[in-house]
Amino acid sequence: MNLKSFLLLLLTVTFTLCGQVLMKKGLIQTQAVTFRNIISSYTIIAGGLCYIGSFVVWLHVLKVLPLSIAYPAASISYIGVIIASSVFLNEPVNLFKVIGAALIIAGVFFISRAY
């Protein structure tokens, strides 16, 4: 994987991660999940825009990397979500999450060696 591919993948993961955290924070602030609440929440809208950004960058990732490498590597976002949800949403991190994250890292490492 060259530097450009890595940076595009990292940008995709970052946009996805930001989108998830922003949408969750926005939903915490709303009383109910209704269309009106969604379109009136700047936090949820910002999260949705992050998802659009992620999609656009993802198309570039697919252009430069084999799908069999890109898709598993994008699972690094799961680890980012564990960390970000702990930091920004005060969600607990337990041993099972740490073990799961380690297994994801190991899987991505081995898959990326095949490229």
PDB file of N, CA and C in Angstrom:
ATOM      1  N   MET A   1       0.855  -1.177   0.000  1.00  0.00           N
ATOM      2  CA  MET A   1       0.000   0.000   0.000  1.00  0.00           C
ATOM      3  C   MET A   1       0.902   1.242   0.000  1.00  0.00           C
ATOM      4  N   ASN A   2       0.696   2.111  -0.972  1.00  0.00           N
ATOM      5  CA  ASN A   2       1.521   3.315  -1.017  1.00  0.00           C
ATOM      6  C   ASN A   2       0.928   4.398  -0.115  1.00  0.00           C
ATOM      7  N   LEU A   3       1.666   5.517  -0.009  1.00  0.00           N
ATOM      8  CA  LEU A   3       1.269   6.581   0.912  1.00  0.00           C
ATOM      9  C   LEU A   3      -0.082   7.191   0.527  1.00  0.00           C
ATOM     10  N   LYS A   4      -0.316   7.397  -0.766  1.00  0.00           N
ATOM     11  CA  LYS A   4      -1.586   7.979  -1.212  1.00  0.00           C
ATOM     12  C   LYS A   4      -2.756   7.083  -0.826  1.00  0.00           C
ATOM     13  N   SER A   5      -2.626   5.793  -1.062  1.00  0.00           N
ATOM     14  CA  SER A   5      -3.695   4.848  -0.712  1.00  0.00           C
ATOM     15  C   SER A   5      -3.946   4.860   0.786  1.00  0.00           C
ATOM     16  N   PHE A   6      -2.867   4.856   1.552  1.00  0.00           N
ATOM     17  CA  PHE A   6      -2.983   4.864   3.011  1.00  0.00           C
ATOM     18  C   PHE A   6      -3.701   6.120   3.489  1.00  0.00           C
ATOM     19  N   LEU A   7      -3.306   7.284   2.954  1.00  0.00           N
ATOM     20  CA  LEU A   7      -3.920   8.536   3.382  1.00  0.00           C
ATOM     21  C   LEU A   7      -5.398   8.607   2.988  1.00  0.00           C
ATOM     22  N   LEU A   8      -5.733   8.119   1.800  1.00  0.00           N
ATOM     23  CA  LEU A   8      -7.144   8.087   1.393  1.00  0.00           C
ATOM     24  C   LEU A   8      -7.949   7.183   2.315  1.00  0.00           C
ATOM     25  N   LEU A   9      -7.395   6.041   2.643  1.00  0.00           N
ATOM     26  CA  LEU A   9      -8.080   5.115   3.548  1.00  0.00           C
ATOM     27  C   LEU A   9      -8.241   5.739   4.927  1.00  0.00           C
ATOM     28  N   LEU A  10      -7.213   6.385   5.409  1.00  0.00           N
ATOM     29  CA  LEU A  10      -7.269   7.056   6.709  1.00  0.00           C
ATOM     30  C   LEU A  10      -8.324   8.163   6.705  1.00  0.00           C
ATOM     31  N   LEU A  11      -8.427   8.902   5.603  1.00  0.00           N
ATOM     32  CA  LEU A  11      -9.424   9.954   5.502  1.00  0.00           C
ATOM     33  C   LEU A  11     -10.842   9.371   5.495  1.00  0.00           C
ATOM     34  N   THR A  12     -11.029   8.271   4.790  1.00  0.00           N
ATOM     35  CA  THR A  12     -12.329   7.598   4.792  1.00  0.00           C
ATOM     36  C   THR A  12     -12.721   7.177   6.203  1.00  0.00           C
ATOM     37  N   VAL A  13     -11.788   6.552   6.900  1.00  0.00           N
ATOM     38  CA  VAL A  13     -12.044   6.095   8.273  1.00  0.00           C
ATOM     39  C   VAL A  13     -12.343   7.289   9.179  1.00  0.00           C
ATOM     40  N   THR A  14     -11.608   8.374   9.011  1.00  0.00           N
ATOM     41  CA  THR A  14     -11.817   9.557   9.847  1.00  0.00           C
ATOM     42  C   THR A  14     -13.194  10.159   9.612  1.00  0.00           C
ATOM     43  N   PHE A  15     -13.583  10.306   8.345  1.00  0.00           N
ATOM     44  CA  PHE A  15     -14.921  10.822   8.048  1.00  0.00           C
ATOM     45  C   PHE A  15     -16.005   9.910   8.626  1.00  0.00           C
ATOM     46  N   THR A  16     -15.836   8.615   8.476  1.00  0.00           N
ATOM     47  CA  THR A  16     -16.821   7.661   9.000  1.00  0.00           C
ATOM     48  C   THR A  16     -16.930   7.777  10.513  1.00  0.00           C
ATOM     49  N   LEU A  17     -15.794   7.811  11.166  1.00  0.00           N
ATOM     50  CA  LEU A  17     -15.748   7.915  12.621  1.00  0.00           C
ATOM     51  C   LEU A  17     -16.405   9.204  13.099  1.00  0.00           C
ATOM     52  N   CYS A  18     -16.050  10.326  12.484  1.00  0.00           N
ATOM     53  CA  CYS A  18     -16.658  11.606  12.871  1.00  0.00           C
ATOM     54  C   CYS A  18     -18.164  11.589  12.640  1.00  0.00           C
ATOM     55  N   GLY A  19     -18.583  10.997  11.534  1.00  0.00           N
ATOM     56  CA  GLY A  19     -20.011  10.900  11.252  1.00  0.00           C
ATOM     57  C   GLY A  19     -20.756  10.123  12.324  1.00  0.00           C
ATOM     58  N   GLN A  20     -20.193   9.004  12.731  1.00  0.00           N
ATOM     59  CA  GLN A  20     -20.832   8.183  13.770  1.00  0.00           C
ATOM     60  C   GLN A  20     -20.961   8.945  15.084  1.00  0.00           C
ATOM     61  N   VAL A  21     -19.869   9.564  15.519  1.00  0.00           N
ATOM     62  CA  VAL A  21     -19.871  10.270  16.806  1.00  0.00           C
ATOM     63  C   VAL A  21     -20.817  11.463  16.764  1.00  0.00           C
ATOM     64  N   LEU A  22     -20.776  12.227  15.678  1.00  0.00           N
ATOM     65  CA  LEU A  22     -21.667  13.393  15.580  1.00  0.00           C
ATOM     66  C   LEU A  22     -23.132  12.980  15.563  1.00  0.00           C
ATOM     67  N   MET A  23     -23.460  11.946  14.808  1.00  0.00           N
ATOM     68  CA  MET A  23     -24.854  11.510  14.777  1.00  0.00           C
ATOM     69  C   MET A  23     -25.308  11.005  16.150  1.00  0.00           C
ATOM     70  N   LYS A  24     -24.457  10.252  16.828  1.00  0.00           N
ATOM     71  CA  LYS A  24     -24.816   9.758  18.170  1.00  0.00           C
ATOM     72  C   LYS A  24     -25.025  10.922  19.135  1.00  0.00           C
ATOM     73  N   LYS A  25     -24.113  11.909  19.111  1.00  0.00           N
ATOM     74  CA  LYS A  25     -24.266  13.071  19.988  1.00  0.00           C
ATOM     75  C   LYS A  25     -25.555  13.825  19.660  1.00  0.00           C
ATOM     76  N   GLY A  26     -25.838  13.964  18.386  1.00  0.00           N
ATOM     77  CA  GLY A  26     -27.066  14.644  17.990  1.00  0.00           C
ATOM     78  C   GLY A  26     -28.311  13.910  18.448  1.00  0.00           C
ATOM     79  N   LEU A  27     -28.270  12.590  18.348  1.00  0.00           N
ATOM     80  CA  LEU A  27     -29.423  11.793  18.762  1.00  0.00           C
ATOM     81  C   LEU A  27     -29.604  11.794  20.280  1.00  0.00           C
ATOM     82  N   ILE A  28     -28.510  11.906  21.015  1.00  0.00           N
ATOM     83  CA  ILE A  28     -28.606  12.006  22.475  1.00  0.00           C
ATOM     84  C   ILE A  28     -29.351  13.289  22.850  1.00  0.00           C
ATOM     85  N   GLN A  29     -29.157  14.338  22.060  1.00  0.00           N
ATOM     86  CA  GLN A  29     -29.765  15.637  22.348  1.00  0.00           C
ATOM     87  C   GLN A  29     -31.230  15.732  21.929  1.00  0.00           C
ATOM     88  N   THR A  30     -31.713  14.793  21.122  1.00  0.00           N
ATOM     89  CA  THR A  30     -33.103  14.863  20.647  1.00  0.00           C
ATOM     90  C   THR A  30     -34.000  14.000  21.530  1.00  0.00           C
ATOM     91  N   GLN A  31     -35.281  14.363  21.542  1.00  0.00           N
ATOM     92  CA  GLN A  31     -36.246  13.604  22.328  1.00  0.00           C
ATOM     93  C   GLN A  31     -36.659  12.323  21.621  1.00  0.00           C
ATOM     94  N   ALA A  32     -36.840  12.406  20.311  1.00  0.00           N
ATOM     95  CA  ALA A  32     -37.288  11.259  19.528  1.00  0.00           C
ATOM     96  C   ALA A  32     -36.663  11.346  18.142  1.00  0.00           C
ATOM     97  N   VAL A  33     -36.552  10.195  17.499  1.00  0.00           N
ATOM     98  CA  VAL A  33     -36.005  10.162  16.146  1.00  0.00           C
ATOM     99  C   VAL A  33     -37.147  10.422  15.176  1.00  0.00           C
ATOM    100  N   THR A  34     -37.290  11.677  14.830  1.00  0.00           N
ATOM    101  CA  THR A  34     -38.293  12.079  13.848  1.00  0.00           C
ATOM    102  C   THR A  34     -37.586  12.875  12.757  1.00  0.00           C
ATOM    103  N   PHE A  35     -38.227  12.973  11.606  1.00  0.00           N
ATOM    104  CA  PHE A  35     -37.639  13.723  10.502  1.00  0.00           C
ATOM    105  C   PHE A  35     -37.379  15.173  10.916  1.00  0.00           C
ATOM    106  N   ARG A  36     -38.315  15.755  11.627  1.00  0.00           N
ATOM    107  CA  ARG A  36     -38.179  17.148  12.068  1.00  0.00           C
ATOM    108  C   ARG A  36     -36.974  17.321  12.995  1.00  0.00           C
ATOM    109  N   ASN A  37     -36.804  16.413  13.935  1.00  0.00           N
ATOM    110  CA  ASN A  37     -35.660  16.501  14.852  1.00  0.00           C
ATOM    111  C   ASN A  37     -34.336  16.306  14.117  1.00  0.00           C
ATOM    112  N   ILE A  38     -34.340  15.408  13.136  1.00  0.00           N
ATOM    113  CA  ILE A  38     -33.111  15.138  12.395  1.00  0.00           C
ATOM    114  C   ILE A  38     -32.686  16.361  11.582  1.00  0.00           C
ATOM    115  N   ILE A  39     -33.620  16.955  10.846  1.00  0.00           N
ATOM    116  CA  ILE A  39     -33.243  18.087   9.990  1.00  0.00           C
ATOM    117  C   ILE A  39     -33.009  19.381  10.775  1.00  0.00           C
ATOM    118  N   SER A  40     -33.416  19.407  12.038  1.00  0.00           N
ATOM    119  CA  SER A  40     -33.183  20.607  12.847  1.00  0.00           C
ATOM    120  C   SER A  40     -31.948  20.467  13.733  1.00  0.00           C
ATOM    121  N   SER A  41     -31.269  19.342  13.675  1.00  0.00           N
ATOM    122  CA  SER A  41     -30.067  19.130  14.489  1.00  0.00           C
ATOM    123  C   SER A  41     -28.816  19.334  13.638  1.00  0.00           C
ATOM    124  N   TYR A  42     -28.087  20.397  13.935  1.00  0.00           N
ATOM    125  CA  TYR A  42     -26.850  20.657  13.201  1.00  0.00           C
ATOM    126  C   TYR A  42     -25.827  19.553  13.423  1.00  0.00           C
ATOM    127  N   THR A  43     -25.852  18.936  14.569  1.00  0.00           N
ATOM    128  CA  THR A  43     -24.915  17.857  14.867  1.00  0.00           C
ATOM    129  C   THR A  43     -25.200  16.638  13.992  1.00  0.00           C
ATOM    130  N   ILE A  44     -26.459  16.276  13.865  1.00  0.00           N
ATOM    131  CA  ILE A  44     -26.825  15.143  13.018  1.00  0.00           C
ATOM    132  C   ILE A  44     -26.527  15.468  11.552  1.00  0.00           C
ATOM    133  N   ILE A  45     -26.832  16.684  11.133  1.00  0.00           N
ATOM    134  CA  ILE A  45     -26.547  17.088   9.754  1.00  0.00           C
ATOM    135  C   ILE A  45     -25.050  17.037   9.484  1.00  0.00           C
ATOM    136  N   ALA A  46     -24.248  17.519  10.425  1.00  0.00           N
ATOM    137  CA  ALA A  46     -22.784  17.462  10.265  1.00  0.00           C
ATOM    138  C   ALA A  46     -22.313  16.018  10.151  1.00  0.00           C
ATOM    139  N   GLY A  47     -22.911  15.124  10.947  1.00  0.00           N
ATOM    140  CA  GLY A  47     -22.572  13.706  10.854  1.00  0.00           C
ATOM    141  C   GLY A  47     -22.917  13.137   9.488  1.00  0.00           C
ATOM    142  N   GLY A  48     -24.064  13.528   8.965  1.00  0.00           N
ATOM    143  CA  GLY A  48     -24.458  13.078   7.631  1.00  0.00           C
ATOM    144  C   GLY A  48     -23.516  13.595   6.555  1.00  0.00           C
ATOM    145  N   LEU A  49     -23.072  14.839   6.688  1.00  0.00           N
ATOM    146  CA  LEU A  49     -22.114  15.394   5.730  1.00  0.00           C
ATOM    147  C   LEU A  49     -20.777  14.658   5.792  1.00  0.00           C
ATOM    148  N   CYS A  50     -20.399  14.251   6.999  1.00  0.00           N
ATOM    149  CA  CYS A  50     -19.175  13.438   7.130  1.00  0.00           C
ATOM    150  C   CYS A  50     -19.330  12.121   6.370  1.00  0.00           C
ATOM    151  N   TYR A  51     -20.517  11.536   6.447  1.00  0.00           N
ATOM    152  CA  TYR A  51     -20.764  10.295   5.710  1.00  0.00           C
ATOM    153  C   TYR A  51     -20.687  10.507   4.200  1.00  0.00           C
ATOM    154  N   ILE A  52     -21.191  11.636   3.735  1.00  0.00           N
ATOM    155  CA  ILE A  52     -21.081  11.940   2.308  1.00  0.00           C
ATOM    156  C   ILE A  52     -19.608  12.087   1.926  1.00  0.00           C
ATOM    157  N   GLY A  53     -18.845  12.790   2.760  1.00  0.00           N
ATOM    158  CA  GLY A  53     -17.409  12.923   2.516  1.00  0.00           C
ATOM    159  C   GLY A  53     -16.714  11.575   2.506  1.00  0.00           C
ATOM    160  N   SER A  54     -17.091  10.724   3.426  1.00  0.00           N
ATOM    161  CA  SER A  54     -16.522   9.377   3.488  1.00  0.00           C
ATOM    162  C   SER A  54     -16.804   8.602   2.212  1.00  0.00           C
ATOM    163  N   PHE A  55     -18.028   8.714   1.714  1.00  0.00           N
ATOM    164  CA  PHE A  55     -18.421   8.014   0.497  1.00  0.00           C
ATOM    165  C   PHE A  55     -17.586   8.479  -0.698  1.00  0.00           C
ATOM    166  N   VAL A  56     -17.404   9.783  -0.816  1.00  0.00           N
ATOM    167  CA  VAL A  56     -16.637  10.330  -1.942  1.00  0.00           C
ATOM    168  C   VAL A  56     -15.187   9.864  -1.879  1.00  0.00           C
ATOM    169  N   VAL A  57     -14.591   9.937  -0.707  1.00  0.00           N
ATOM    170  CA  VAL A  57     -13.191   9.488  -0.565  1.00  0.00           C
ATOM    171  C   VAL A  57     -13.098   7.976  -0.766  1.00  0.00           C
ATOM    172  N   TRP A  58     -14.106   7.242  -0.295  1.00  0.00           N
ATOM    173  CA  TRP A  58     -14.123   5.786  -0.457  1.00  0.00           C
ATOM    174  C   TRP A  58     -14.072   5.394  -1.934  1.00  0.00           C
ATOM    175  N   LEU A  59     -14.756   6.147  -2.774  1.00  0.00           N
ATOM    176  CA  LEU A  59     -14.704   5.871  -4.211  1.00  0.00           C
ATOM    177  C   LEU A  59     -13.273   5.982  -4.731  1.00  0.00           C
ATOM    178  N   HIS A  60     -12.521   6.942  -4.220  1.00  0.00           N
ATOM    179  CA  HIS A  60     -11.117   7.078  -4.617  1.00  0.00           C
ATOM    180  C   HIS A  60     -10.285   5.908  -4.086  1.00  0.00           C
ATOM    181  N   VAL A  61     -10.590   5.472  -2.872  1.00  0.00           N
ATOM    182  CA  VAL A  61      -9.882   4.310  -2.312  1.00  0.00           C
ATOM    183  C   VAL A  61     -10.107   3.088  -3.207  1.00  0.00           C
ATOM    184  N   LEU A  62     -11.349   2.874  -3.603  1.00  0.00           N
ATOM    185  CA  LEU A  62     -11.654   1.724  -4.456  1.00  0.00           C
ATOM    186  C   LEU A  62     -10.951   1.810  -5.806  1.00  0.00           C
ATOM    187  N   LYS A  63     -10.679   3.016  -6.253  1.00  0.00           N
ATOM    188  CA  LYS A  63      -9.986   3.208  -7.527  1.00  0.00           C
ATOM    189  C   LYS A  63      -8.516   2.776  -7.435  1.00  0.00           C
ATOM    190  N   VAL A  64      -7.901   2.974  -6.258  1.00  0.00           N
ATOM    191  CA  VAL A  64      -6.449   2.741  -6.148  1.00  0.00           C
ATOM    192  C   VAL A  64      -6.072   1.456  -5.414  1.00  0.00           C
ATOM    193  N   LEU A  65      -7.012   0.824  -4.734  1.00  0.00           N
ATOM    194  CA  LEU A  65      -6.707  -0.392  -3.975  1.00  0.00           C
ATOM    195  C   LEU A  65      -7.635  -1.531  -4.389  1.00  0.00           C
ATOM    196  N   PRO A  66      -7.157  -2.756  -4.318  1.00  0.00           N
ATOM    197  CA  PRO A  66      -8.051  -3.897  -4.515  1.00  0.00           C
ATOM    198  C   PRO A  66      -9.108  -3.926  -3.404  1.00  0.00           C
ATOM    199  N   LEU A  67     -10.316  -4.289  -3.748  1.00  0.00           N
ATOM    200  CA  LEU A  67     -11.395  -4.350  -2.763  1.00  0.00           C
ATOM    201  C   LEU A  67     -11.049  -5.294  -1.621  1.00  0.00           C
ATOM    202  N   SER A  68     -10.352  -6.389  -1.940  1.00  0.00           N
ATOM    203  CA  SER A  68     -10.005  -7.378  -0.913  1.00  0.00           C
ATOM    204  C   SER A  68      -9.018  -6.827   0.114  1.00  0.00           C
ATOM    205  N   ILE A  69      -8.395  -5.703  -0.178  1.00  0.00           N
ATOM    206  CA  ILE A  69      -7.511  -5.025   0.776  1.00  0.00           C
ATOM    207  C   ILE A  69      -8.245  -3.844   1.408  1.00  0.00           C
ATOM    208  N   ALA A  70      -8.914  -3.050   0.582  1.00  0.00           N
ATOM    209  CA  ALA A  70      -9.542  -1.819   1.056  1.00  0.00           C
ATOM    210  C   ALA A  70     -10.639  -2.072   2.089  1.00  0.00           C
ATOM    211  N   TYR A  71     -11.516  -3.008   1.797  1.00  0.00           N
ATOM    212  CA  TYR A  71     -12.662  -3.216   2.678  1.00  0.00           C
ATOM    213  C   TYR A  71     -12.239  -3.714   4.069  1.00  0.00           C
ATOM    214  N   PRO A  72     -11.378  -4.729   4.162  1.00  0.00           N
ATOM    215  CA  PRO A  72     -10.930  -5.128   5.500  1.00  0.00           C
ATOM    216  C   PRO A  72     -10.158  -4.014   6.223  1.00  0.00           C
ATOM    217  N   ALA A  73      -9.365  -3.254   5.479  1.00  0.00           N
ATOM    218  CA  ALA A  73      -8.603  -2.173   6.119  1.00  0.00           C
ATOM    219  C   ALA A  73      -9.523  -1.096   6.676  1.00  0.00           C
ATOM    220  N   ALA A  74     -10.670  -0.896   6.048  1.00  0.00           N
ATOM    221  CA  ALA A  74     -11.632   0.095   6.535  1.00  0.00           C
ATOM    222  C   ALA A  74     -12.218  -0.314   7.889  1.00  0.00           C
ATOM    223  N   SER A  75     -12.083  -1.575   8.255  1.00  0.00           N
ATOM    224  CA  SER A  75     -12.594  -2.023   9.559  1.00  0.00           C
ATOM    225  C   SER A  75     -11.816  -1.415  10.720  1.00  0.00           C
ATOM    226  N   ILE A  76     -10.721  -0.746  10.422  1.00  0.00           N
ATOM    227  CA  ILE A  76      -9.998  -0.014  11.460  1.00  0.00           C
ATOM    228  C   ILE A  76     -10.909   1.035  12.091  1.00  0.00           C
ATOM    229  N   SER A  77     -11.935   1.455  11.359  1.00  0.00           N
ATOM    230  CA  SER A  77     -12.877   2.433  11.918  1.00  0.00           C
ATOM    231  C   SER A  77     -13.557   1.892  13.181  1.00  0.00           C
ATOM    232  N   TYR A  78     -13.716   0.576  13.282  1.00  0.00           N
ATOM    233  CA  TYR A  78     -14.321   0.001  14.491  1.00  0.00           C
ATOM    234  C   TYR A  78     -13.484   0.327  15.727  1.00  0.00           C
ATOM    235  N   ILE A  79     -12.179   0.299  15.560  1.00  0.00           N
ATOM    236  CA  ILE A  79     -11.292   0.607  16.675  1.00  0.00           C
ATOM    237  C   ILE A  79     -11.398   2.082  17.025  1.00  0.00           C
ATOM    238  N   GLY A  80     -11.445   2.918  15.983  1.00  0.00           N
ATOM    239  CA  GLY A  80     -11.612   4.344  16.212  1.00  0.00           C
ATOM    240  C   GLY A  80     -12.908   4.661  16.928  1.00  0.00           C
ATOM    241  N   VAL A  81     -13.965   3.937  16.606  1.00  0.00           N
ATOM    242  CA  VAL A  81     -15.254   4.150  17.265  1.00  0.00           C
ATOM    243  C   VAL A  81     -15.177   3.771  18.741  1.00  0.00           C
ATOM    244  N   ILE A  82     -14.475   2.697  19.064  1.00  0.00           N
ATOM    245  CA  ILE A  82     -14.314   2.313  20.476  1.00  0.00           C
ATOM    246  C   ILE A  82     -13.618   3.430  21.244  1.00  0.00           C
ATOM    247  N   ILE A  83     -12.551   3.965  20.656  1.00  0.00           N
ATOM    248  CA  ILE A  83     -11.790   5.026  21.321  1.00  0.00           C
ATOM    249  C   ILE A  83     -12.607   6.313  21.402  1.00  0.00           C
ATOM    250  N   ALA A  84     -13.182   6.731  20.273  1.00  0.00           N
ATOM    251  CA  ALA A  84     -13.943   7.986  20.243  1.00  0.00           C
ATOM    252  C   ALA A  84     -15.183   7.926  21.134  1.00  0.00           C
ATOM    253  N   SER A  85     -15.856   6.785  21.174  1.00  0.00           N
ATOM    254  CA  SER A  85     -17.052   6.694  22.019  1.00  0.00           C
ATOM    255  C   SER A  85     -16.678   6.744  23.490  1.00  0.00           C
ATOM    256  N   SER A  86     -15.498   6.271  23.816  1.00  0.00           N
ATOM    257  CA  SER A  86     -15.024   6.378  25.191  1.00  0.00           C
ATOM    258  C   SER A  86     -14.689   7.829  25.536  1.00  0.00           C
ATOM    259  N   VAL A  87     -13.998   8.502  24.624  1.00  0.00           N
ATOM    260  CA  VAL A  87     -13.553   9.874  24.883  1.00  0.00           C
ATOM    261  C   VAL A  87     -14.709  10.876  24.817  1.00  0.00           C
ATOM    262  N   PHE A  88     -15.517  10.807  23.753  1.00  0.00           N
ATOM    263  CA  PHE A  88     -16.530  11.832  23.518  1.00  0.00           C
ATOM    264  C   PHE A  88     -17.920  11.498  24.047  1.00  0.00           C
ATOM    265  N   LEU A  89     -18.191  10.214  24.279  1.00  0.00           N
ATOM    266  CA  LEU A  89     -19.524   9.810  24.732  1.00  0.00           C
ATOM    267  C   LEU A  89     -19.498   9.131  26.103  1.00  0.00           C
ATOM    268  N   ASN A  90     -18.315   9.043  26.689  1.00  0.00           N
ATOM    269  CA  ASN A  90     -18.138   8.428  28.014  1.00  0.00           C
ATOM    270  C   ASN A  90     -18.622   6.987  28.077  1.00  0.00           C
ATOM    271  N   GLU A  91     -18.478   6.261  26.971  1.00  0.00           N
ATOM    272  CA  GLU A  91     -18.847   4.848  26.965  1.00  0.00           C
ATOM    273  C   GLU A  91     -17.675   4.031  27.513  1.00  0.00           C
ATOM    274  N   PRO A  92     -17.960   2.969  28.259  1.00  0.00           N
ATOM    275  CA  PRO A  92     -16.881   2.192  28.869  1.00  0.00           C
ATOM    276  C   PRO A  92     -16.127   1.337  27.852  1.00  0.00           C
ATOM    277  N   VAL A  93     -14.847   1.138  28.122  1.00  0.00           N
ATOM    278  CA  VAL A  93     -14.017   0.211  27.341  1.00  0.00           C
ATOM    279  C   VAL A  93     -13.672  -0.940  28.273  1.00  0.00           C
ATOM    280  N   ASN A  94     -14.034  -2.156  27.863  1.00  0.00           N
ATOM    281  CA  ASN A  94     -13.740  -3.306  28.700  1.00  0.00           C
ATOM    282  C   ASN A  94     -12.771  -4.248  27.985  1.00  0.00           C
ATOM    283  N   LEU A  95     -12.406  -5.307  28.651  1.00  0.00           N
ATOM    284  CA  LEU A  95     -11.430  -6.253  28.117  1.00  0.00           C
ATOM    285  C   LEU A  95     -11.883  -6.864  26.794  1.00  0.00           C
ATOM    286  N   PHE A  96     -13.153  -7.159  26.655  1.00  0.00           N
ATOM    287  CA  PHE A  96     -13.647  -7.763  25.413  1.00  0.00           C
ATOM    288  C   PHE A  96     -13.490  -6.817  24.222  1.00  0.00           C
ATOM    289  N   LYS A  97     -13.720  -5.524  24.450  1.00  0.00           N
ATOM    290  CA  LYS A  97     -13.521  -4.551  23.373  1.00  0.00           C
ATOM    291  C   LYS A  97     -12.042  -4.455  22.994  1.00  0.00           C
ATOM    292  N   VAL A  98     -11.175  -4.488  23.982  1.00  0.00           N
ATOM    293  CA  VAL A  98      -9.732  -4.427  23.718  1.00  0.00           C
ATOM    294  C   VAL A  98      -9.277  -5.664  22.939  1.00  0.00           C
ATOM    295  N   ILE A  99      -9.743  -6.825  23.354  1.00  0.00           N
ATOM    296  CA  ILE A  99      -9.382  -8.068  22.641  1.00  0.00           C
ATOM    297  C   ILE A  99      -9.935  -8.033  21.215  1.00  0.00           C
ATOM    298  N   GLY A 100     -11.164  -7.598  21.053  1.00  0.00           N
ATOM    299  CA  GLY A 100     -11.752  -7.490  19.719  1.00  0.00           C
ATOM    300  C   GLY A 100     -10.963  -6.535  18.838  1.00  0.00           C
ATOM    301  N   ALA A 101     -10.560  -5.401  19.383  1.00  0.00           N
ATOM    302  CA  ALA A 101      -9.771  -4.432  18.625  1.00  0.00           C
ATOM    303  C   ALA A 101      -8.425  -5.031  18.219  1.00  0.00           C
ATOM    304  N   ALA A 102      -7.805  -5.758  19.128  1.00  0.00           N
ATOM    305  CA  ALA A 102      -6.521  -6.401  18.812  1.00  0.00           C
ATOM    306  C   ALA A 102      -6.679  -7.423  17.695  1.00  0.00           C
ATOM    307  N   LEU A 103      -7.761  -8.162  17.709  1.00  0.00           N
ATOM    308  CA  LEU A 103      -8.006  -9.142  16.642  1.00  0.00           C
ATOM    309  C   LEU A 103      -8.245  -8.457  15.292  1.00  0.00           C
ATOM    310  N   ILE A 104      -8.943  -7.327  15.316  1.00  0.00           N
ATOM    311  CA  ILE A 104      -9.155  -6.573  14.071  1.00  0.00           C
ATOM    312  C   ILE A 104      -7.820  -6.088  13.521  1.00  0.00           C
ATOM    313  N   ILE A 105      -6.985  -5.540  14.390  1.00  0.00           N
ATOM    314  CA  ILE A 105      -5.667  -5.064  13.959  1.00  0.00           C
ATOM    315  C   ILE A 105      -4.859  -6.212  13.371  1.00  0.00           C
ATOM    316  N   ALA A 106      -4.879  -7.345  14.025  1.00  0.00           N
ATOM    317  CA  ALA A 106      -4.136  -8.507  13.520  1.00  0.00           C
ATOM    318  C   ALA A 106      -4.676  -8.939  12.157  1.00  0.00           C
ATOM    319  N   GLY A 107      -5.987  -8.975  12.019  1.00  0.00           N
ATOM    320  CA  GLY A 107      -6.589  -9.368  10.747  1.00  0.00           C
ATOM    321  C   GLY A 107      -6.224  -8.423   9.623  1.00  0.00           C
ATOM    322  N   VAL A 108      -6.304  -7.126   9.883  1.00  0.00           N
ATOM    323  CA  VAL A 108      -5.944  -6.138   8.863  1.00  0.00           C
ATOM    324  C   VAL A 108      -4.467  -6.254   8.508  1.00  0.00           C
ATOM    325  N   PHE A 109      -3.624  -6.491   9.500  1.00  0.00           N
ATOM    326  CA  PHE A 109      -2.188  -6.653   9.243  1.00  0.00           C
ATOM    327  C   PHE A 109      -1.936  -7.825   8.296  1.00  0.00           C
ATOM    328  N   PHE A 110      -2.524  -8.960   8.594  1.00  0.00           N
ATOM    329  CA  PHE A 110      -2.288 -10.151   7.757  1.00  0.00           C
ATOM    330  C   PHE A 110      -2.871  -9.997   6.356  1.00  0.00           C
ATOM    331  N   ILE A 111      -4.049  -9.393   6.261  1.00  0.00           N
ATOM    332  CA  ILE A 111      -4.644  -9.181   4.943  1.00  0.00           C
ATOM    333  C   ILE A 111      -3.806  -8.213   4.124  1.00  0.00           C
ATOM    334  N   SER A 112      -3.287  -7.159   4.758  1.00  0.00           N
ATOM    335  CA  SER A 112      -2.502  -6.181   4.024  1.00  0.00           C
ATOM    336  C   SER A 112      -1.164  -6.765   3.550  1.00  0.00           C
ATOM    337  N   ARG A 113      -0.676  -7.789   4.213  1.00  0.00           N
ATOM    338  CA  ARG A 113       0.591  -8.438   3.793  1.00  0.00           C
ATOM    339  C   ARG A 113       0.407  -9.152   2.462  1.00  0.00           C
ATOM    340  N   ALA A 114      -0.810  -9.460   2.104  1.00  0.00           N
ATOM    341  CA  ALA A 114      -1.059 -10.181   0.856  1.00  0.00           C
ATOM    342  C   ALA A 114      -1.003  -9.256  -0.350  1.00  0.00           C
ATOM    343  N   TYR A 115      -0.903  -7.965  -0.122  1.00  0.00           N
ATOM    344  CA  TYR A 115      -0.942  -6.997  -1.229  1.00  0.00           C
ATOM    345  C   TYR A 115       0.449  -6.738  -1.759  1.00  0.00           C
TER     346      TYR A 115
END
